[in-house]
Amino acid sequence: MSSINKPERATQDRVIALFTQQLGYRYLGNWADRAGNHCVEEGLLPVHLARRGDRPRTAGAAPAALARWTETARAQAGLVPARNAPHTPW
């Protein structure tokens, strides 16, 4: 087993079951060791939004919104200088 202990793995398995069996999400597997791993996969987001019925304009705008969100999160985590952080409306 990886560095995740058994109780943590069991919890993650329950969360996966909830999202896939009850909420209809598609599980893409364990990408923990995958290069370029991100919480949200930019290439899959517009497809997901379109599949769930969002308008093409909304789905098409998702990658840019995700990029702004990622930049802001990185700035707030101290991973980029604050002067380079995008303005956030909230």
PDB file of N, CA and C in Angstrom:
ATOM      1  N   MET A   1       0.844  -1.181   0.000  1.00  0.00           N
ATOM      2  CA  MET A   1       0.000   0.000   0.000  1.00  0.00           C
ATOM      3  C   MET A   1       0.886   1.241   0.000  1.00  0.00           C
ATOM      4  N   SER A   2       0.381   2.312  -0.556  1.00  0.00           N
ATOM      5  CA  SER A   2       1.141   3.557  -0.640  1.00  0.00           C
ATOM      6  C   SER A   2       1.284   4.171   0.751  1.00  0.00           C
ATOM      7  N   SER A   3       1.706   5.427   0.788  1.00  0.00           N
ATOM      8  CA  SER A   3       1.898   6.108   2.067  1.00  0.00           C
ATOM      9  C   SER A   3       0.571   6.440   2.748  1.00  0.00           C
ATOM     10  N   ILE A   4      -0.541   6.247   2.060  1.00  0.00           N
ATOM     11  CA  ILE A   4      -1.851   6.495   2.665  1.00  0.00           C
ATOM     12  C   ILE A   4      -2.200   5.287   3.540  1.00  0.00           C
ATOM     13  N   ASN A   5      -2.555   5.551   4.788  1.00  0.00           N
ATOM     14  CA  ASN A   5      -2.879   4.436   5.672  1.00  0.00           C
ATOM     15  C   ASN A   5      -4.244   3.847   5.340  1.00  0.00           C
ATOM     16  N   LYS A   6      -4.537   2.684   5.893  1.00  0.00           N
ATOM     17  CA  LYS A   6      -5.766   1.960   5.542  1.00  0.00           C
ATOM     18  C   LYS A   6      -7.053   2.724   5.855  1.00  0.00           C
ATOM     19  N   PRO A   7      -7.173   3.366   7.017  1.00  0.00           N
ATOM     20  CA  PRO A   7      -8.409   4.129   7.258  1.00  0.00           C
ATOM     21  C   PRO A   7      -8.612   5.269   6.253  1.00  0.00           C
ATOM     22  N   GLU A   8      -7.540   5.944   5.883  1.00  0.00           N
ATOM     23  CA  GLU A   8      -7.645   7.021   4.894  1.00  0.00           C
ATOM     24  C   GLU A   8      -8.075   6.461   3.549  1.00  0.00           C
ATOM     25  N   ARG A   9      -7.496   5.340   3.147  1.00  0.00           N
ATOM     26  CA  ARG A   9      -7.862   4.726   1.869  1.00  0.00           C
ATOM     27  C   ARG A   9      -9.328   4.318   1.875  1.00  0.00           C
ATOM     28  N   ALA A  10      -9.799   3.772   3.000  1.00  0.00           N
ATOM     29  CA  ALA A  10     -11.206   3.375   3.101  1.00  0.00           C
ATOM     30  C   ALA A  10     -12.121   4.595   2.963  1.00  0.00           C
ATOM     31  N   THR A  11     -11.729   5.708   3.575  1.00  0.00           N
ATOM     32  CA  THR A  11     -12.504   6.943   3.457  1.00  0.00           C
ATOM     33  C   THR A  11     -12.534   7.422   2.009  1.00  0.00           C
ATOM     34  N   GLN A  12     -11.390   7.397   1.350  1.00  0.00           N
ATOM     35  CA  GLN A  12     -11.340   7.812  -0.054  1.00  0.00           C
ATOM     36  C   GLN A  12     -12.215   6.910  -0.919  1.00  0.00           C
ATOM     37  N   ASP A  13     -12.218   5.618  -0.642  1.00  0.00           N
ATOM     38  CA  ASP A  13     -13.058   4.688  -1.402  1.00  0.00           C
ATOM     39  C   ASP A  13     -14.540   4.997  -1.201  1.00  0.00           C
ATOM     40  N   ARG A  14     -14.930   5.374   0.024  1.00  0.00           N
ATOM     41  CA  ARG A  14     -16.329   5.745   0.271  1.00  0.00           C
ATOM     42  C   ARG A  14     -16.698   7.018  -0.485  1.00  0.00           C
ATOM     43  N   VAL A  15     -15.791   7.972  -0.522  1.00  0.00           N
ATOM     44  CA  VAL A  15     -16.055   9.217  -1.256  1.00  0.00           C
ATOM     45  C   VAL A  15     -16.184   8.930  -2.751  1.00  0.00           C
ATOM     46  N   ILE A  16     -15.321   8.089  -3.273  1.00  0.00           N
ATOM     47  CA  ILE A  16     -15.395   7.703  -4.689  1.00  0.00           C
ATOM     48  C   ILE A  16     -16.736   7.040  -4.985  1.00  0.00           C
ATOM     49  N   ALA A  17     -17.169   6.137  -4.094  1.00  0.00           N
ATOM     50  CA  ALA A  17     -18.460   5.469  -4.286  1.00  0.00           C
ATOM     51  C   ALA A  17     -19.605   6.469  -4.274  1.00  0.00           C
ATOM     52  N   LEU A  18     -19.564   7.428  -3.362  1.00  0.00           N
ATOM     53  CA  LEU A  18     -20.602   8.458  -3.298  1.00  0.00           C
ATOM     54  C   LEU A  18     -20.687   9.228  -4.611  1.00  0.00           C
ATOM     55  N   PHE A  19     -19.538   9.700  -5.086  1.00  0.00           N
ATOM     56  CA  PHE A  19     -19.536  10.518  -6.299  1.00  0.00           C
ATOM     57  C   PHE A  19     -19.927   9.723  -7.535  1.00  0.00           C
ATOM     58  N   THR A  20     -19.498   8.480  -7.621  1.00  0.00           N
ATOM     59  CA  THR A  20     -19.797   7.703  -8.833  1.00  0.00           C
ATOM     60  C   THR A  20     -21.183   7.073  -8.795  1.00  0.00           C
ATOM     61  N   GLN A  21     -21.553   6.476  -7.684  1.00  0.00           N
ATOM     62  CA  GLN A  21     -22.807   5.732  -7.621  1.00  0.00           C
ATOM     63  C   GLN A  21     -24.023   6.609  -7.358  1.00  0.00           C
ATOM     64  N   GLN A  22     -23.848   7.662  -6.571  1.00  0.00           N
ATOM     65  CA  GLN A  22     -25.002   8.473  -6.210  1.00  0.00           C
ATOM     66  C   GLN A  22     -25.076   9.803  -6.954  1.00  0.00           C
ATOM     67  N   LEU A  23     -23.938  10.347  -7.327  1.00  0.00           N
ATOM     68  CA  LEU A  23     -23.937  11.660  -7.972  1.00  0.00           C
ATOM     69  C   LEU A  23     -23.665  11.604  -9.468  1.00  0.00           C
ATOM     70  N   GLY A  24     -23.317  10.421  -9.971  1.00  0.00           N
ATOM     71  CA  GLY A  24     -23.164  10.248 -11.406  1.00  0.00           C
ATOM     72  C   GLY A  24     -21.851  10.694 -12.009  1.00  0.00           C
ATOM     73  N   TYR A  25     -20.833  10.893 -11.184  1.00  0.00           N
ATOM     74  CA  TYR A  25     -19.527  11.275 -11.714  1.00  0.00           C
ATOM     75  C   TYR A  25     -18.813  10.057 -12.284  1.00  0.00           C
ATOM     76  N   ARG A  26     -17.888  10.302 -13.184  1.00  0.00           N
ATOM     77  CA  ARG A  26     -17.066   9.243 -13.773  1.00  0.00           C
ATOM     78  C   ARG A  26     -15.718   9.246 -13.062  1.00  0.00           C
ATOM     79  N   TYR A  27     -15.328   8.106 -12.515  1.00  0.00           N
ATOM     80  CA  TYR A  27     -14.043   8.004 -11.816  1.00  0.00           C
ATOM     81  C   TYR A  27     -12.948   7.742 -12.831  1.00  0.00           C
ATOM     82  N   LEU A  28     -11.925   8.563 -12.820  1.00  0.00           N
ATOM     83  CA  LEU A  28     -10.843   8.462 -13.790  1.00  0.00           C
ATOM     84  C   LEU A  28      -9.643   7.688 -13.261  1.00  0.00           C
ATOM     85  N   GLY A  29      -9.751   7.146 -12.070  1.00  0.00           N
ATOM     86  CA  GLY A  29      -8.666   6.365 -11.497  1.00  0.00           C
ATOM     87  C   GLY A  29      -7.822   7.187 -10.542  1.00  0.00           C
ATOM     88  N   ASN A  30      -6.836   6.532  -9.961  1.00  0.00           N
ATOM     89  CA  ASN A  30      -5.930   7.173  -9.014  1.00  0.00           C
ATOM     90  C   ASN A  30      -4.790   7.808  -9.793  1.00  0.00           C
ATOM     91  N   TRP A  31      -4.772   9.108  -9.843  1.00  0.00           N
ATOM     92  CA  TRP A  31      -3.759   9.837 -10.600  1.00  0.00           C
ATOM     93  C   TRP A  31      -2.715  10.452  -9.677  1.00  0.00           C
ATOM     94  N   ALA A  32      -2.572   9.932  -8.484  1.00  0.00           N
ATOM     95  CA  ALA A  32      -1.670  10.524  -7.498  1.00  0.00           C
ATOM     96  C   ALA A  32      -0.243  10.651  -8.018  1.00  0.00           C
ATOM     97  N   ASP A  33       0.200   9.683  -8.770  1.00  0.00           N
ATOM     98  CA  ASP A  33       1.582   9.708  -9.253  1.00  0.00           C
ATOM     99  C   ASP A  33       1.698  10.195 -10.699  1.00  0.00           C
ATOM    100  N   ARG A  34       0.617  10.687 -11.254  1.00  0.00           N
ATOM    101  CA  ARG A  34       0.598  11.136 -12.643  1.00  0.00           C
ATOM    102  C   ARG A  34       1.248  12.515 -12.757  1.00  0.00           C
ATOM    103  N   ALA A  35       2.099  12.676 -13.737  1.00  0.00           N
ATOM    104  CA  ALA A  35       2.725  13.986 -13.990  1.00  0.00           C
ATOM    105  C   ALA A  35       1.639  14.989 -14.376  1.00  0.00           C
ATOM    106  N   GLY A  36       1.744  16.185 -13.860  1.00  0.00           N
ATOM    107  CA  GLY A  36       0.774  17.226 -14.201  1.00  0.00           C
ATOM    108  C   GLY A  36      -0.580  17.026 -13.555  1.00  0.00           C
ATOM    109  N   ASN A  37      -0.620  16.315 -12.461  1.00  0.00           N
ATOM    110  CA  ASN A  37      -1.870  16.040 -11.771  1.00  0.00           C
ATOM    111  C   ASN A  37      -2.448  17.333 -11.185  1.00  0.00           C
ATOM    112  N   HIS A  38      -3.730  17.575 -11.427  1.00  0.00           N
ATOM    113  CA  HIS A  38      -4.416  18.761 -10.911  1.00  0.00           C
ATOM    114  C   HIS A  38      -5.766  18.351 -10.356  1.00  0.00           C
ATOM    115  N   CYS A  39      -6.315  19.168  -9.494  1.00  0.00           N
ATOM    116  CA  CYS A  39      -7.638  18.884  -8.922  1.00  0.00           C
ATOM    117  C   CYS A  39      -8.729  18.906  -9.988  1.00  0.00           C
ATOM    118  N   VAL A  40      -8.596  19.799 -10.937  1.00  0.00           N
ATOM    119  CA  VAL A  40      -9.562  19.907 -12.029  1.00  0.00           C
ATOM    120  C   VAL A  40      -8.793  19.750 -13.336  1.00  0.00           C
ATOM    121  N   GLU A  41      -9.238  18.843 -14.170  1.00  0.00           N
ATOM    122  CA  GLU A  41      -8.582  18.606 -15.453  1.00  0.00           C
ATOM    123  C   GLU A  41      -9.170  19.553 -16.489  1.00  0.00           C
ATOM    124  N   GLU A  42      -8.367  20.508 -16.915  1.00  0.00           N
ATOM    125  CA  GLU A  42      -8.834  21.571 -17.807  1.00  0.00           C
ATOM    126  C   GLU A  42      -9.458  21.030 -19.094  1.00  0.00           C
ATOM    127  N   GLY A  43      -8.870  20.007 -19.666  1.00  0.00           N
ATOM    128  CA  GLY A  43      -9.393  19.459 -20.913  1.00  0.00           C
ATOM    129  C   GLY A  43     -10.719  18.738 -20.758  1.00  0.00           C
ATOM    130  N   LEU A  44     -10.984  18.209 -19.570  1.00  0.00           N
ATOM    131  CA  LEU A  44     -12.228  17.471 -19.338  1.00  0.00           C
ATOM    132  C   LEU A  44     -13.369  18.364 -18.869  1.00  0.00           C
ATOM    133  N   LEU A  45     -13.058  19.526 -18.340  1.00  0.00           N
ATOM    134  CA  LEU A  45     -14.084  20.392 -17.771  1.00  0.00           C
ATOM    135  C   LEU A  45     -15.131  20.851 -18.786  1.00  0.00           C
ATOM    136  N   PRO A  46     -14.762  21.395 -19.957  1.00  0.00           N
ATOM    137  CA  PRO A  46     -15.796  21.822 -20.913  1.00  0.00           C
ATOM    138  C   PRO A  46     -16.670  20.664 -21.387  1.00  0.00           C
ATOM    139  N   VAL A  47     -16.083  19.488 -21.550  1.00  0.00           N
ATOM    140  CA  VAL A  47     -16.845  18.310 -21.974  1.00  0.00           C
ATOM    141  C   VAL A  47     -17.876  17.957 -20.900  1.00  0.00           C
ATOM    142  N   HIS A  48     -17.431  17.966 -19.655  1.00  0.00           N
ATOM    143  CA  HIS A  48     -18.340  17.665 -18.545  1.00  0.00           C
ATOM    144  C   HIS A  48     -19.478  18.680 -18.476  1.00  0.00           C
ATOM    145  N   LEU A  49     -19.147  19.968 -18.589  1.00  0.00           N
ATOM    146  CA  LEU A  49     -20.175  21.001 -18.515  1.00  0.00           C
ATOM    147  C   LEU A  49     -21.179  20.878 -19.658  1.00  0.00           C
ATOM    148  N   ALA A  50     -20.695  20.581 -20.858  1.00  0.00           N
ATOM    149  CA  ALA A  50     -21.590  20.415 -22.001  1.00  0.00           C
ATOM    150  C   ALA A  50     -22.484  19.191 -21.807  1.00  0.00           C
ATOM    151  N   ARG A  51     -21.918  18.118 -21.294  1.00  0.00           N
ATOM    152  CA  ARG A  51     -22.677  16.882 -21.093  1.00  0.00           C
ATOM    153  C   ARG A  51     -23.795  17.079 -20.073  1.00  0.00           C
ATOM    154  N   ARG A  52     -23.548  17.928 -19.080  1.00  0.00           N
ATOM    155  CA  ARG A  52     -24.581  18.132 -18.061  1.00  0.00           C
ATOM    156  C   ARG A  52     -25.591  19.194 -18.473  1.00  0.00           C
ATOM    157  N   GLY A  53     -25.423  19.780 -19.660  1.00  0.00           N
ATOM    158  CA  GLY A  53     -26.426  20.674 -20.199  1.00  0.00           C
ATOM    159  C   GLY A  53     -26.094  22.143 -20.176  1.00  0.00           C
ATOM    160  N   ASP A  54     -24.896  22.512 -19.758  1.00  0.00           N
ATOM    161  CA  ASP A  54     -24.534  23.924 -19.789  1.00  0.00           C
ATOM    162  C   ASP A  54     -24.411  24.393 -21.234  1.00  0.00           C
ATOM    163  N   ARG A  55     -24.723  25.645 -21.451  1.00  0.00           N
ATOM    164  CA  ARG A  55     -24.637  26.204 -22.792  1.00  0.00           C
ATOM    165  C   ARG A  55     -23.196  26.165 -23.303  1.00  0.00           C
ATOM    166  N   PRO A  56     -23.008  26.067 -24.614  1.00  0.00           N
ATOM    167  CA  PRO A  56     -21.646  26.041 -25.173  1.00  0.00           C
ATOM    168  C   PRO A  56     -20.799  27.230 -24.748  1.00  0.00           C
ATOM    169  N   ARG A  57     -21.418  28.404 -24.634  1.00  0.00           N
ATOM    170  CA  ARG A  57     -20.653  29.584 -24.216  1.00  0.00           C
ATOM    171  C   ARG A  57     -20.092  29.397 -22.806  1.00  0.00           C
ATOM    172  N   THR A  58     -20.908  28.854 -21.904  1.00  0.00           N
ATOM    173  CA  THR A  58     -20.469  28.610 -20.527  1.00  0.00           C
ATOM    174  C   THR A  58     -19.362  27.568 -20.504  1.00  0.00           C
ATOM    175  N   ALA A  59     -19.572  26.467 -21.202  1.00  0.00           N
ATOM    176  CA  ALA A  59     -18.572  25.397 -21.228  1.00  0.00           C
ATOM    177  C   ALA A  59     -17.280  25.877 -21.871  1.00  0.00           C
ATOM    178  N   GLY A  60     -17.383  26.703 -22.894  1.00  0.00           N
ATOM    179  CA  GLY A  60     -16.196  27.206 -23.574  1.00  0.00           C
ATOM    180  C   GLY A  60     -15.409  28.194 -22.736  1.00  0.00           C
ATOM    181  N   ALA A  61     -16.077  28.889 -21.831  1.00  0.00           N
ATOM    182  CA  ALA A  61     -15.406  29.865 -20.976  1.00  0.00           C
ATOM    183  C   ALA A  61     -14.740  29.208 -19.770  1.00  0.00           C
ATOM    184  N   ALA A  62     -15.045  27.959 -19.524  1.00  0.00           N
ATOM    185  CA  ALA A  62     -14.540  27.277 -18.322  1.00  0.00           C
ATOM    186  C   ALA A  62     -13.014  27.239 -18.236  1.00  0.00           C
ATOM    187  N   PRO A  63     -12.277  26.914 -19.304  1.00  0.00           N
ATOM    188  CA  PRO A  63     -10.813  26.862 -19.160  1.00  0.00           C
ATOM    189  C   PRO A  63     -10.201  28.198 -18.733  1.00  0.00           C
ATOM    190  N   ALA A  64     -10.687  29.308 -19.259  1.00  0.00           N
ATOM    191  CA  ALA A  64     -10.147  30.614 -18.869  1.00  0.00           C
ATOM    192  C   ALA A  64     -10.473  30.920 -17.410  1.00  0.00           C
ATOM    193  N   ALA A  65     -11.688  30.604 -16.994  1.00  0.00           N
ATOM    194  CA  ALA A  65     -12.070  30.824 -15.601  1.00  0.00           C
ATOM    195  C   ALA A  65     -11.237  29.947 -14.676  1.00  0.00           C
ATOM    196  N   LEU A  66     -11.006  28.710 -15.090  1.00  0.00           N
ATOM    197  CA  LEU A  66     -10.185  27.801 -14.296  1.00  0.00           C
ATOM    198  C   LEU A  66      -8.754  28.313 -14.182  1.00  0.00           C
ATOM    199  N   ALA A  67      -8.220  28.843 -15.255  1.00  0.00           N
ATOM    200  CA  ALA A  67      -6.858  29.388 -15.229  1.00  0.00           C
ATOM    201  C   ALA A  67      -6.765  30.558 -14.261  1.00  0.00           C
ATOM    202  N   ARG A  68      -7.760  31.445 -14.267  1.00  0.00           N
ATOM    203  CA  ARG A  68      -7.765  32.580 -13.328  1.00  0.00           C
ATOM    204  C   ARG A  68      -7.864  32.081 -11.889  1.00  0.00           C
ATOM    205  N   TRP A  69      -8.727  31.095 -11.663  1.00  0.00           N
ATOM    206  CA  TRP A  69      -8.889  30.532 -10.328  1.00  0.00           C
ATOM    207  C   TRP A  69      -7.577  29.905  -9.851  1.00  0.00           C
ATOM    208  N   THR A  70      -6.910  29.163 -10.717  1.00  0.00           N
ATOM    209  CA  THR A  70      -5.647  28.509 -10.360  1.00  0.00           C
ATOM    210  C   THR A  70      -4.584  29.541 -10.024  1.00  0.00           C
ATOM    211  N   GLU A  71      -4.481  30.591 -10.827  1.00  0.00           N
ATOM    212  CA  GLU A  71      -3.501  31.647 -10.568  1.00  0.00           C
ATOM    213  C   GLU A  71      -3.761  32.308  -9.213  1.00  0.00           C
ATOM    214  N   THR A  72      -5.023  32.565  -8.912  1.00  0.00           N
ATOM    215  CA  THR A  72      -5.374  33.187  -7.641  1.00  0.00           C
ATOM    216  C   THR A  72      -5.035  32.261  -6.475  1.00  0.00           C
ATOM    217  N   ALA A  73      -5.364  30.983  -6.613  1.00  0.00           N
ATOM    218  CA  ALA A  73      -5.065  30.020  -5.546  1.00  0.00           C
ATOM    219  C   ALA A  73      -3.563  29.912  -5.318  1.00  0.00           C
ATOM    220  N   ARG A  74      -2.794  29.902  -6.401  1.00  0.00           N
ATOM    221  CA  ARG A  74      -1.336  29.824  -6.266  1.00  0.00           C
ATOM    222  C   ARG A  74      -0.801  31.079  -5.574  1.00  0.00           C
ATOM    223  N   ALA A  75      -1.347  32.229  -5.894  1.00  0.00           N
ATOM    224  CA  ALA A  75      -0.897  33.470  -5.262  1.00  0.00           C
ATOM    225  C   ALA A  75      -1.231  33.466  -3.776  1.00  0.00           C
ATOM    226  N   GLN A  76      -2.429  33.028  -3.437  1.00  0.00           N
ATOM    227  CA  GLN A  76      -2.830  32.999  -2.034  1.00  0.00           C
ATOM    228  C   GLN A  76      -2.014  31.982  -1.241  1.00  0.00           C
ATOM    229  N   ALA A  77      -1.523  30.949  -1.906  1.00  0.00           N
ATOM    230  CA  ALA A  77      -0.687  29.949  -1.236  1.00  0.00           C
ATOM    231  C   ALA A  77       0.767  30.389  -1.176  1.00  0.00           C
ATOM    232  N   GLY A  78       1.062  31.548  -1.762  1.00  0.00           N
ATOM    233  CA  GLY A  78       2.426  32.061  -1.740  1.00  0.00           C
ATOM    234  C   GLY A  78       3.323  31.438  -2.791  1.00  0.00           C
ATOM    235  N   LEU A  79       2.730  30.830  -3.810  1.00  0.00           N
ATOM    236  CA  LEU A  79       3.519  30.179  -4.849  1.00  0.00           C
ATOM    237  C   LEU A  79       3.933  31.135  -5.958  1.00  0.00           C
ATOM    238  N   VAL A  80       3.308  32.296  -6.029  1.00  0.00           N
ATOM    239  CA  VAL A  80       3.699  33.342  -6.976  1.00  0.00           C
ATOM    240  C   VAL A  80       3.650  34.667  -6.221  1.00  0.00           C
ATOM    241  N   PRO A  81       4.428  35.634  -6.636  1.00  0.00           N
ATOM    242  CA  PRO A  81       4.377  36.937  -5.966  1.00  0.00           C
ATOM    243  C   PRO A  81       2.990  37.561  -6.064  1.00  0.00           C
ATOM    244  N   ALA A  82       2.544  38.201  -5.019  1.00  0.00           N
ATOM    245  CA  ALA A  82       1.205  38.788  -4.979  1.00  0.00           C
ATOM    246  C   ALA A  82       0.987  39.804  -6.088  1.00  0.00           C
ATOM    247  N   ARG A  83       2.026  40.510  -6.492  1.00  0.00           N
ATOM    248  CA  ARG A  83       1.845  41.525  -7.542  1.00  0.00           C
ATOM    249  C   ARG A  83       1.438  40.893  -8.865  1.00  0.00           C
ATOM    250  N   ASN A  84       1.701  39.605  -9.037  1.00  0.00           N
ATOM    251  CA  ASN A  84       1.316  38.925 -10.265  1.00  0.00           C
ATOM    252  C   ASN A  84      -0.045  38.240 -10.159  1.00  0.00           C
ATOM    253  N   ALA A  85      -0.635  38.308  -8.993  1.00  0.00           N
ATOM    254  CA  ALA A  85      -1.931  37.650  -8.791  1.00  0.00           C
ATOM    255  C   ALA A  85      -3.030  38.416  -9.509  1.00  0.00           C
ATOM    256  N   PRO A  86      -3.960  37.709 -10.123  1.00  0.00           N
ATOM    257  CA  PRO A  86      -5.076  38.387 -10.774  1.00  0.00           C
ATOM    258  C   PRO A  86      -6.037  38.955  -9.725  1.00  0.00           C
ATOM    259  N   HIS A  87      -6.780  39.944 -10.125  1.00  0.00           N
ATOM    260  CA  HIS A  87      -7.783  40.522  -9.236  1.00  0.00           C
ATOM    261  C   HIS A  87      -8.925  39.542  -9.066  1.00  0.00           C
ATOM    262  N   THR A  88      -9.392  39.368  -7.847  1.00  0.00           N
ATOM    263  CA  THR A  88     -10.544  38.499  -7.618  1.00  0.00           C
ATOM    264  C   THR A  88     -11.698  39.359  -7.105  1.00  0.00           C
ATOM    265  N   PRO A  89     -12.901  39.129  -7.599  1.00  0.00           N
ATOM    266  CA  PRO A  89     -14.034  39.956  -7.214  1.00  0.00           C
ATOM    267  C   PRO A  89     -14.585  39.645  -5.832  1.00  0.00           C
ATOM    268  N   TRP A  90     -14.144  38.580  -5.187  1.00  0.00           N
ATOM    269  CA  TRP A  90     -14.720  38.233  -3.880  1.00  0.00           C
ATOM    270  C   TRP A  90     -13.859  38.656  -2.780  1.00  0.00           C
TER     271      TRP A  90
END
